[in-house]
């Protein structure tokens, strides 16, 4: 007899189903294309990092999927324009490198990758905006988990009332 996985109240846990299969995912380029020619706009958290010409050359030379620094695997990493985003994390300023432009991504670009709506504005300095974005659960992931919890709860209620 196969044992069901259940939680502490004995209800079955339902896991979120993927929103997309591999043939229909949303790429970094799909999300960031609208920002390619956009000038800096602090009112929407589209704030550019200040960096030297030397740093811009170093950023340009990073191969896609690799980090500026060899000992970091997920900070200062150049993401792939044609693939889904890697995890957006709070990396003490070591954010993701833009796949086309020779700069790191802006808070707005990172928030967009995290599925925050465009009208959601982060408060505080750029540093604290990046902390908020990197520590956040992506909105669509939160939705999927919430729907799975509701489904589990509804099923549990049905079984209790039988």
N, C-alpha and C. Protein backbone atom coordinates (compact mmCIF):
# COMPACT_ATOMS: atom_id res chain seq x y z
N UNK A 1 0.85 -1.19 0.00
CA UNK A 1 0.00 0.00 0.00
C UNK A 1 0.89 1.24 0.00
N UNK A 2 0.62 2.16 -0.91
CA UNK A 2 1.41 3.38 -1.03
C UNK A 2 0.98 4.39 0.03
N UNK A 3 1.95 4.93 0.76
CA UNK A 3 1.68 5.90 1.81
C UNK A 3 1.51 7.29 1.20
N UNK A 4 0.45 7.99 1.60
CA UNK A 4 0.22 9.36 1.13
C UNK A 4 1.06 10.33 1.94
N UNK A 5 1.60 11.33 1.28
CA UNK A 5 2.31 12.39 1.99
C UNK A 5 1.28 13.36 2.53
N UNK A 6 1.35 13.60 3.82
CA UNK A 6 0.38 14.50 4.42
C UNK A 6 1.07 15.43 5.40
N UNK A 7 0.31 16.43 5.83
CA UNK A 7 0.84 17.39 6.79
C UNK A 7 0.39 17.03 8.20
N UNK A 8 0.63 17.91 9.16
CA UNK A 8 0.39 17.56 10.56
C UNK A 8 -1.08 17.39 10.92
N UNK A 9 -1.98 17.89 10.08
CA UNK A 9 -3.40 17.66 10.35
C UNK A 9 -3.94 16.46 9.57
N UNK A 10 -3.03 15.77 8.86
CA UNK A 10 -3.42 14.58 8.13
C UNK A 10 -3.97 14.84 6.74
N UNK A 11 -3.93 16.08 6.28
CA UNK A 11 -4.42 16.41 4.94
C UNK A 11 -3.32 16.18 3.91
N UNK A 12 -3.75 15.90 2.69
CA UNK A 12 -2.80 15.70 1.59
C UNK A 12 -2.24 17.06 1.18
N UNK A 13 -0.94 17.11 0.93
CA UNK A 13 -0.30 18.33 0.43
C UNK A 13 -0.39 18.36 -1.09
N UNK A 14 -0.87 19.46 -1.64
CA UNK A 14 -0.91 19.65 -3.08
C UNK A 14 0.22 20.58 -3.47
N UNK A 15 0.96 20.22 -4.47
CA UNK A 15 2.10 21.01 -4.89
C UNK A 15 1.73 21.83 -6.13
N UNK A 16 2.20 23.06 -6.21
CA UNK A 16 1.86 23.90 -7.36
C UNK A 16 2.31 23.25 -8.67
N UNK A 17 1.45 23.36 -9.66
CA UNK A 17 1.82 22.87 -10.98
C UNK A 17 2.58 23.98 -11.70
N UNK A 18 3.54 23.62 -12.56
CA UNK A 18 4.28 24.65 -13.31
C UNK A 18 3.32 25.50 -14.16
N UNK A 19 3.61 26.79 -14.23
CA UNK A 19 2.80 27.66 -15.08
C UNK A 19 3.16 27.46 -16.55
N UNK A 20 4.42 27.09 -16.79
CA UNK A 20 4.92 26.98 -18.15
C UNK A 20 5.69 25.69 -18.31
N UNK A 21 5.62 25.11 -19.51
CA UNK A 21 6.51 24.00 -19.78
C UNK A 21 7.73 24.56 -20.51
N UNK A 22 8.71 23.73 -20.77
CA UNK A 22 9.96 24.22 -21.34
C UNK A 22 9.79 24.88 -22.71
N UNK A 23 8.72 24.55 -23.42
CA UNK A 23 8.53 25.14 -24.74
C UNK A 23 7.82 26.49 -24.69
N UNK A 24 7.30 26.88 -23.52
CA UNK A 24 6.56 28.14 -23.45
C UNK A 24 7.01 29.06 -22.33
N UNK A 25 8.26 28.89 -21.88
CA UNK A 25 8.73 29.75 -20.79
C UNK A 25 8.93 31.19 -21.27
N UNK A 26 9.00 32.07 -20.30
CA UNK A 26 9.27 33.48 -20.58
C UNK A 26 10.75 33.72 -20.36
N UNK A 27 11.40 34.30 -21.34
CA UNK A 27 12.85 34.52 -21.24
C UNK A 27 13.15 35.88 -20.61
N UNK A 28 14.39 36.04 -20.22
CA UNK A 28 14.87 37.33 -19.71
C UNK A 28 14.60 38.42 -20.75
N UNK A 29 14.88 38.12 -22.00
CA UNK A 29 14.66 39.09 -23.08
C UNK A 29 13.21 39.49 -23.21
N UNK A 30 12.29 38.52 -23.06
CA UNK A 30 10.86 38.84 -23.13
C UNK A 30 10.48 39.88 -22.09
N UNK A 31 11.10 39.79 -20.93
CA UNK A 31 10.75 40.66 -19.80
C UNK A 31 11.49 42.00 -19.87
N UNK A 32 12.76 41.96 -20.29
CA UNK A 32 13.59 43.18 -20.20
C UNK A 32 13.65 44.02 -21.47
N UNK A 33 13.14 43.51 -22.57
CA UNK A 33 13.26 44.24 -23.83
C UNK A 33 12.73 45.67 -23.75
N UNK A 34 11.66 45.87 -23.03
CA UNK A 34 11.06 47.21 -22.94
C UNK A 34 11.95 48.23 -22.23
N UNK A 35 12.97 47.75 -21.52
CA UNK A 35 13.86 48.65 -20.79
C UNK A 35 15.16 48.96 -21.55
N UNK A 36 15.38 48.34 -22.71
CA UNK A 36 16.66 48.50 -23.42
C UNK A 36 17.00 49.96 -23.71
N UNK A 37 16.04 50.73 -24.16
CA UNK A 37 16.30 52.12 -24.53
C UNK A 37 15.78 53.11 -23.50
N UNK A 38 15.33 52.62 -22.37
CA UNK A 38 14.76 53.50 -21.34
C UNK A 38 15.87 54.21 -20.58
N UNK A 39 15.71 55.49 -20.41
CA UNK A 39 16.67 56.26 -19.63
C UNK A 39 16.41 56.04 -18.14
N UNK A 40 17.37 56.42 -17.33
CA UNK A 40 17.22 56.28 -15.88
C UNK A 40 15.98 57.03 -15.41
N UNK A 41 15.21 56.38 -14.54
CA UNK A 41 13.99 56.99 -14.01
C UNK A 41 13.81 56.51 -12.56
N UNK A 42 14.26 57.32 -11.63
CA UNK A 42 14.22 56.94 -10.22
C UNK A 42 12.80 56.75 -9.72
N UNK A 43 11.82 57.39 -10.35
CA UNK A 43 10.43 57.29 -9.88
C UNK A 43 9.87 55.88 -10.05
N UNK A 44 10.47 55.09 -10.94
CA UNK A 44 10.01 53.70 -11.12
C UNK A 44 11.09 52.70 -10.72
N UNK A 45 12.09 53.14 -9.98
CA UNK A 45 13.21 52.30 -9.50
C UNK A 45 14.13 51.84 -10.63
N UNK A 46 14.13 52.54 -11.75
CA UNK A 46 15.04 52.20 -12.86
C UNK A 46 16.30 53.05 -12.67
N UNK A 47 17.17 52.59 -11.77
CA UNK A 47 18.34 53.36 -11.35
C UNK A 47 19.60 52.64 -11.79
N UNK A 48 20.41 53.33 -12.59
CA UNK A 48 21.64 52.74 -13.09
C UNK A 48 22.75 52.80 -12.04
N UNK A 49 23.60 51.78 -12.07
CA UNK A 49 24.79 51.77 -11.21
C UNK A 49 25.85 52.66 -11.84
N UNK A 50 26.60 53.32 -11.02
CA UNK A 50 27.72 54.13 -11.52
C UNK A 50 28.93 53.21 -11.62
N UNK A 51 29.51 53.14 -12.81
CA UNK A 51 30.73 52.32 -12.94
C UNK A 51 31.66 52.93 -13.98
N UNK A 52 32.92 52.63 -13.80
CA UNK A 52 33.97 53.18 -14.67
C UNK A 52 33.95 52.50 -16.04
N UNK A 53 34.65 53.11 -16.99
CA UNK A 53 34.79 52.51 -18.32
C UNK A 53 35.49 51.16 -18.22
N UNK A 54 36.45 51.05 -17.31
CA UNK A 54 37.15 49.78 -17.10
C UNK A 54 36.18 48.69 -16.63
N UNK A 55 35.31 49.04 -15.71
CA UNK A 55 34.33 48.07 -15.22
C UNK A 55 33.37 47.68 -16.34
N UNK A 56 32.98 48.64 -17.16
CA UNK A 56 32.09 48.33 -18.28
C UNK A 56 32.74 47.32 -19.23
N UNK A 57 34.04 47.46 -19.47
CA UNK A 57 34.77 46.51 -20.31
C UNK A 57 34.79 45.13 -19.66
N UNK A 58 34.99 45.10 -18.36
CA UNK A 58 35.00 43.82 -17.64
C UNK A 58 33.63 43.14 -17.70
N UNK A 59 32.57 43.94 -17.55
CA UNK A 59 31.21 43.39 -17.63
C UNK A 59 30.91 42.84 -19.03
N UNK A 60 31.37 43.57 -20.04
CA UNK A 60 31.16 43.14 -21.42
C UNK A 60 31.85 41.80 -21.70
N UNK A 61 32.99 41.56 -21.08
CA UNK A 61 33.78 40.35 -21.34
C UNK A 61 33.27 39.10 -20.62
N UNK A 62 32.31 39.25 -19.72
CA UNK A 62 31.80 38.08 -18.99
C UNK A 62 31.02 37.19 -19.95
N UNK A 63 31.35 35.92 -20.02
CA UNK A 63 30.53 35.00 -20.83
C UNK A 63 29.16 34.81 -20.19
N UNK A 64 28.15 34.60 -21.01
CA UNK A 64 26.80 34.36 -20.51
C UNK A 64 26.83 33.15 -19.57
N UNK A 65 26.18 33.30 -18.43
CA UNK A 65 26.11 32.23 -17.44
C UNK A 65 27.28 32.20 -16.47
N UNK A 66 28.24 33.08 -16.66
CA UNK A 66 29.43 33.11 -15.79
C UNK A 66 29.42 34.37 -14.94
N UNK A 67 30.24 34.35 -13.91
CA UNK A 67 30.34 35.47 -12.98
C UNK A 67 31.58 36.30 -13.27
N UNK A 68 31.51 37.57 -12.94
CA UNK A 68 32.67 38.45 -13.04
C UNK A 68 33.81 37.94 -12.18
N UNK A 69 33.45 37.36 -11.05
CA UNK A 69 34.45 36.85 -10.11
C UNK A 69 34.35 35.34 -10.06
N UNK A 70 35.45 34.65 -10.26
CA UNK A 70 35.46 33.20 -10.32
C UNK A 70 34.93 32.49 -9.10
N UNK A 71 35.07 33.11 -7.93
CA UNK A 71 34.64 32.44 -6.70
C UNK A 71 33.17 32.68 -6.36
N UNK A 72 32.44 33.40 -7.20
CA UNK A 72 31.00 33.59 -7.01
C UNK A 72 30.29 32.84 -8.13
N UNK A 73 29.28 32.07 -7.75
CA UNK A 73 28.53 31.39 -8.79
C UNK A 73 27.22 32.10 -9.11
N UNK A 74 26.72 32.90 -8.17
CA UNK A 74 25.42 33.52 -8.40
C UNK A 74 25.38 35.02 -8.12
N UNK A 75 26.53 35.66 -8.11
CA UNK A 75 26.60 37.11 -7.98
C UNK A 75 27.46 37.63 -9.12
N UNK A 76 27.12 38.78 -9.63
CA UNK A 76 27.83 39.37 -10.76
C UNK A 76 27.82 38.41 -11.95
N UNK A 77 26.68 37.75 -12.11
CA UNK A 77 26.51 36.74 -13.16
C UNK A 77 25.78 37.34 -14.34
N UNK A 78 26.27 37.08 -15.55
CA UNK A 78 25.60 37.56 -16.76
C UNK A 78 24.53 36.55 -17.15
N UNK A 79 23.30 37.00 -17.14
CA UNK A 79 22.18 36.10 -17.44
C UNK A 79 22.02 35.93 -18.95
N UNK A 80 21.31 34.90 -19.33
CA UNK A 80 21.08 34.58 -20.75
C UNK A 80 19.79 35.26 -21.22
N UNK A 81 19.89 36.06 -22.24
CA UNK A 81 18.77 36.79 -22.81
C UNK A 81 17.66 35.86 -23.27
N UNK A 82 18.02 34.67 -23.73
CA UNK A 82 17.06 33.75 -24.36
C UNK A 82 16.54 32.67 -23.42
N UNK A 83 16.88 32.72 -22.16
CA UNK A 83 16.43 31.70 -21.21
C UNK A 83 15.72 32.35 -20.04
N UNK A 84 15.02 31.54 -19.23
CA UNK A 84 14.43 32.11 -18.01
C UNK A 84 15.52 32.64 -17.09
N UNK A 85 15.17 33.56 -16.25
CA UNK A 85 16.13 34.18 -15.35
C UNK A 85 16.64 33.20 -14.30
N UNK A 86 17.87 33.41 -13.90
CA UNK A 86 18.37 32.72 -12.72
C UNK A 86 17.73 33.41 -11.51
N UNK A 87 17.95 32.86 -10.35
CA UNK A 87 17.36 33.42 -9.13
C UNK A 87 17.87 34.83 -8.88
N UNK A 88 16.97 35.72 -8.55
CA UNK A 88 17.33 37.08 -8.15
C UNK A 88 17.51 37.04 -6.63
N UNK A 89 18.71 37.33 -6.18
CA UNK A 89 19.02 37.24 -4.75
C UNK A 89 19.57 38.55 -4.24
N UNK A 90 19.49 38.72 -2.94
CA UNK A 90 20.13 39.86 -2.29
C UNK A 90 21.57 39.44 -2.04
N UNK A 91 22.47 39.96 -2.85
CA UNK A 91 23.88 39.54 -2.80
C UNK A 91 24.80 40.68 -2.37
N UNK A 92 24.39 41.48 -1.43
CA UNK A 92 25.23 42.57 -0.92
C UNK A 92 25.81 43.41 -2.05
N UNK A 93 24.97 43.75 -3.01
CA UNK A 93 25.39 44.58 -4.12
C UNK A 93 25.88 43.81 -5.33
N UNK A 94 26.05 42.51 -5.23
CA UNK A 94 26.50 41.70 -6.36
C UNK A 94 25.32 41.21 -7.17
N UNK A 95 24.70 42.10 -7.90
CA UNK A 95 23.47 41.77 -8.63
C UNK A 95 23.78 41.11 -9.97
N UNK A 96 22.72 40.77 -10.70
CA UNK A 96 22.88 40.14 -12.00
C UNK A 96 23.36 41.15 -13.04
N UNK A 97 24.21 40.67 -13.95
CA UNK A 97 24.73 41.51 -15.02
C UNK A 97 23.78 41.42 -16.21
N UNK A 98 23.48 42.57 -16.78
CA UNK A 98 22.58 42.65 -17.93
C UNK A 98 23.16 41.84 -19.08
N UNK A 99 22.34 41.07 -19.80
CA UNK A 99 22.86 40.22 -20.87
C UNK A 99 23.29 40.96 -22.13
N UNK A 100 22.83 42.19 -22.32
CA UNK A 100 23.16 42.93 -23.55
C UNK A 100 23.92 44.22 -23.25
N UNK A 101 23.45 44.96 -22.27
CA UNK A 101 24.07 46.24 -21.93
C UNK A 101 25.20 46.01 -20.93
N UNK A 102 26.23 46.79 -21.01
CA UNK A 102 27.41 46.61 -20.15
C UNK A 102 27.21 47.30 -18.80
N UNK A 103 26.31 46.71 -18.03
CA UNK A 103 26.00 47.24 -16.70
C UNK A 103 25.26 46.16 -15.92
N UNK A 104 25.12 46.39 -14.61
CA UNK A 104 24.29 45.50 -13.82
C UNK A 104 22.83 45.92 -14.01
N UNK A 105 21.95 45.03 -13.67
CA UNK A 105 20.52 45.33 -13.84
C UNK A 105 20.05 46.34 -12.80
N UNK A 106 19.07 47.10 -13.20
CA UNK A 106 18.48 48.10 -12.30
C UNK A 106 17.50 47.40 -11.35
N UNK A 107 17.16 48.07 -10.25
CA UNK A 107 16.14 47.49 -9.38
C UNK A 107 14.83 47.19 -10.13
N UNK A 108 14.42 48.06 -11.03
CA UNK A 108 13.18 47.82 -11.79
C UNK A 108 13.28 46.58 -12.65
N UNK A 109 14.42 46.39 -13.32
CA UNK A 109 14.60 45.20 -14.15
C UNK A 109 14.55 43.94 -13.29
N UNK A 110 15.21 43.97 -12.15
CA UNK A 110 15.21 42.81 -11.25
C UNK A 110 13.81 42.55 -10.69
N UNK A 111 13.09 43.61 -10.35
CA UNK A 111 11.73 43.45 -9.85
C UNK A 111 10.82 42.86 -10.93
N UNK A 112 11.04 43.26 -12.17
CA UNK A 112 10.24 42.73 -13.27
C UNK A 112 10.53 41.24 -13.45
N UNK A 113 11.80 40.85 -13.32
CA UNK A 113 12.13 39.42 -13.38
C UNK A 113 11.47 38.65 -12.24
N UNK A 114 11.26 39.30 -11.10
CA UNK A 114 10.62 38.68 -9.95
C UNK A 114 9.09 38.70 -10.06
N UNK A 115 8.57 39.16 -11.16
CA UNK A 115 7.14 39.25 -11.49
C UNK A 115 6.37 40.29 -10.67
N UNK A 116 7.07 41.30 -10.16
CA UNK A 116 6.38 42.42 -9.51
C UNK A 116 5.70 43.26 -10.59
N UNK A 117 4.49 43.74 -10.32
CA UNK A 117 3.83 44.62 -11.29
C UNK A 117 4.62 45.93 -11.44
N UNK A 118 4.50 46.53 -12.61
CA UNK A 118 5.26 47.75 -12.89
C UNK A 118 4.90 48.91 -11.97
N UNK A 119 3.69 48.90 -11.45
CA UNK A 119 3.30 50.02 -10.58
C UNK A 119 3.67 49.79 -9.11
N UNK A 120 4.35 48.68 -8.81
CA UNK A 120 4.83 48.44 -7.45
C UNK A 120 6.18 49.15 -7.31
N UNK A 121 6.21 50.17 -6.48
CA UNK A 121 7.41 50.99 -6.32
C UNK A 121 8.07 50.67 -4.97
N UNK A 122 9.35 50.39 -5.02
CA UNK A 122 10.12 50.10 -3.81
C UNK A 122 10.63 51.40 -3.21
N UNK A 123 10.65 51.47 -1.89
CA UNK A 123 11.06 52.67 -1.19
C UNK A 123 12.49 52.54 -0.68
N UNK A 124 13.08 53.66 -0.32
CA UNK A 124 14.43 53.67 0.23
C UNK A 124 15.49 53.87 -0.84
N UNK A 125 16.74 53.82 -0.40
CA UNK A 125 17.86 54.00 -1.33
C UNK A 125 17.93 52.79 -2.27
N UNK A 126 18.72 52.92 -3.32
CA UNK A 126 18.88 51.82 -4.28
C UNK A 126 19.33 50.56 -3.56
N UNK A 127 20.25 50.70 -2.63
CA UNK A 127 20.74 49.54 -1.88
C UNK A 127 19.58 48.80 -1.22
N UNK A 128 18.68 49.52 -0.56
CA UNK A 128 17.58 48.89 0.15
C UNK A 128 16.50 48.40 -0.80
N UNK A 129 16.37 49.02 -1.95
CA UNK A 129 15.46 48.49 -2.97
C UNK A 129 15.94 47.11 -3.41
N UNK A 130 17.26 46.98 -3.64
CA UNK A 130 17.83 45.70 -4.06
C UNK A 130 17.66 44.64 -2.98
N UNK A 131 17.79 45.03 -1.71
CA UNK A 131 17.59 44.09 -0.61
C UNK A 131 16.14 43.60 -0.61
N UNK A 132 15.19 44.53 -0.75
CA UNK A 132 13.78 44.15 -0.76
C UNK A 132 13.46 43.20 -1.91
N UNK A 133 13.97 43.50 -3.08
CA UNK A 133 13.69 42.68 -4.27
C UNK A 133 14.35 41.30 -4.14
N UNK A 134 15.59 41.29 -3.71
CA UNK A 134 16.32 40.03 -3.60
C UNK A 134 15.82 39.12 -2.50
N UNK A 135 15.23 39.68 -1.46
CA UNK A 135 14.70 38.87 -0.37
C UNK A 135 13.23 38.49 -0.57
N UNK A 136 12.61 39.01 -1.61
CA UNK A 136 11.19 38.76 -1.85
C UNK A 136 10.95 37.40 -2.49
N UNK A 137 9.80 36.86 -2.21
CA UNK A 137 9.32 35.70 -2.95
C UNK A 137 8.70 36.26 -4.24
N UNK A 138 9.08 35.71 -5.40
CA UNK A 138 8.46 36.20 -6.64
C UNK A 138 6.93 36.14 -6.56
N UNK A 139 6.28 37.18 -7.04
CA UNK A 139 4.82 37.29 -6.90
C UNK A 139 4.09 36.08 -7.47
N UNK A 140 4.47 35.64 -8.66
CA UNK A 140 3.78 34.50 -9.26
C UNK A 140 4.04 33.20 -8.51
N UNK A 141 5.20 33.07 -7.89
CA UNK A 141 5.47 31.89 -7.06
C UNK A 141 4.58 31.93 -5.81
N UNK A 142 4.48 33.10 -5.19
CA UNK A 142 3.60 33.24 -4.03
C UNK A 142 2.16 32.90 -4.38
N UNK A 143 1.71 33.32 -5.55
CA UNK A 143 0.36 32.99 -6.00
C UNK A 143 0.19 31.48 -6.15
N UNK A 144 1.15 30.82 -6.78
CA UNK A 144 1.06 29.38 -6.99
C UNK A 144 1.03 28.63 -5.66
N UNK A 145 1.87 29.02 -4.71
CA UNK A 145 1.89 28.37 -3.41
C UNK A 145 0.57 28.62 -2.67
N UNK A 146 0.09 29.86 -2.71
CA UNK A 146 -1.18 30.19 -2.06
C UNK A 146 -2.34 29.39 -2.62
N UNK A 147 -2.39 29.24 -3.94
CA UNK A 147 -3.46 28.45 -4.56
C UNK A 147 -3.36 26.98 -4.16
N UNK A 148 -2.15 26.45 -4.06
CA UNK A 148 -1.97 25.06 -3.64
C UNK A 148 -2.42 24.87 -2.19
N UNK A 149 -2.14 25.85 -1.33
CA UNK A 149 -2.58 25.77 0.06
C UNK A 149 -4.10 25.80 0.13
N UNK A 150 -4.72 26.70 -0.64
CA UNK A 150 -6.19 26.76 -0.66
C UNK A 150 -6.80 25.44 -1.13
N UNK A 151 -6.22 24.85 -2.16
CA UNK A 151 -6.71 23.58 -2.68
C UNK A 151 -6.60 22.51 -1.60
N UNK A 152 -5.48 22.46 -0.92
CA UNK A 152 -5.27 21.49 0.14
C UNK A 152 -6.28 21.70 1.27
N UNK A 153 -6.49 22.94 1.65
CA UNK A 153 -7.42 23.26 2.72
C UNK A 153 -8.85 22.87 2.33
N UNK A 154 -9.25 23.22 1.10
CA UNK A 154 -10.60 22.88 0.63
C UNK A 154 -10.81 21.37 0.63
N UNK A 155 -9.82 20.63 0.17
CA UNK A 155 -9.91 19.17 0.13
C UNK A 155 -10.00 18.62 1.55
N UNK A 156 -9.23 19.17 2.46
CA UNK A 156 -9.24 18.75 3.85
C UNK A 156 -10.62 19.01 4.47
N UNK A 157 -11.19 20.17 4.17
CA UNK A 157 -12.53 20.52 4.68
C UNK A 157 -13.57 19.54 4.16
N UNK A 158 -13.48 19.20 2.87
CA UNK A 158 -14.41 18.24 2.29
C UNK A 158 -14.34 16.90 3.00
N UNK A 159 -13.12 16.42 3.24
CA UNK A 159 -12.94 15.13 3.89
C UNK A 159 -13.43 15.15 5.33
N UNK A 160 -13.28 16.25 6.01
CA UNK A 160 -13.75 16.38 7.39
C UNK A 160 -15.27 16.36 7.47
N UNK A 161 -15.91 16.91 6.44
CA UNK A 161 -17.38 17.01 6.45
C UNK A 161 -18.07 15.78 5.91
N UNK A 162 -17.32 14.80 5.42
CA UNK A 162 -17.94 13.58 4.89
C UNK A 162 -18.39 12.66 5.98
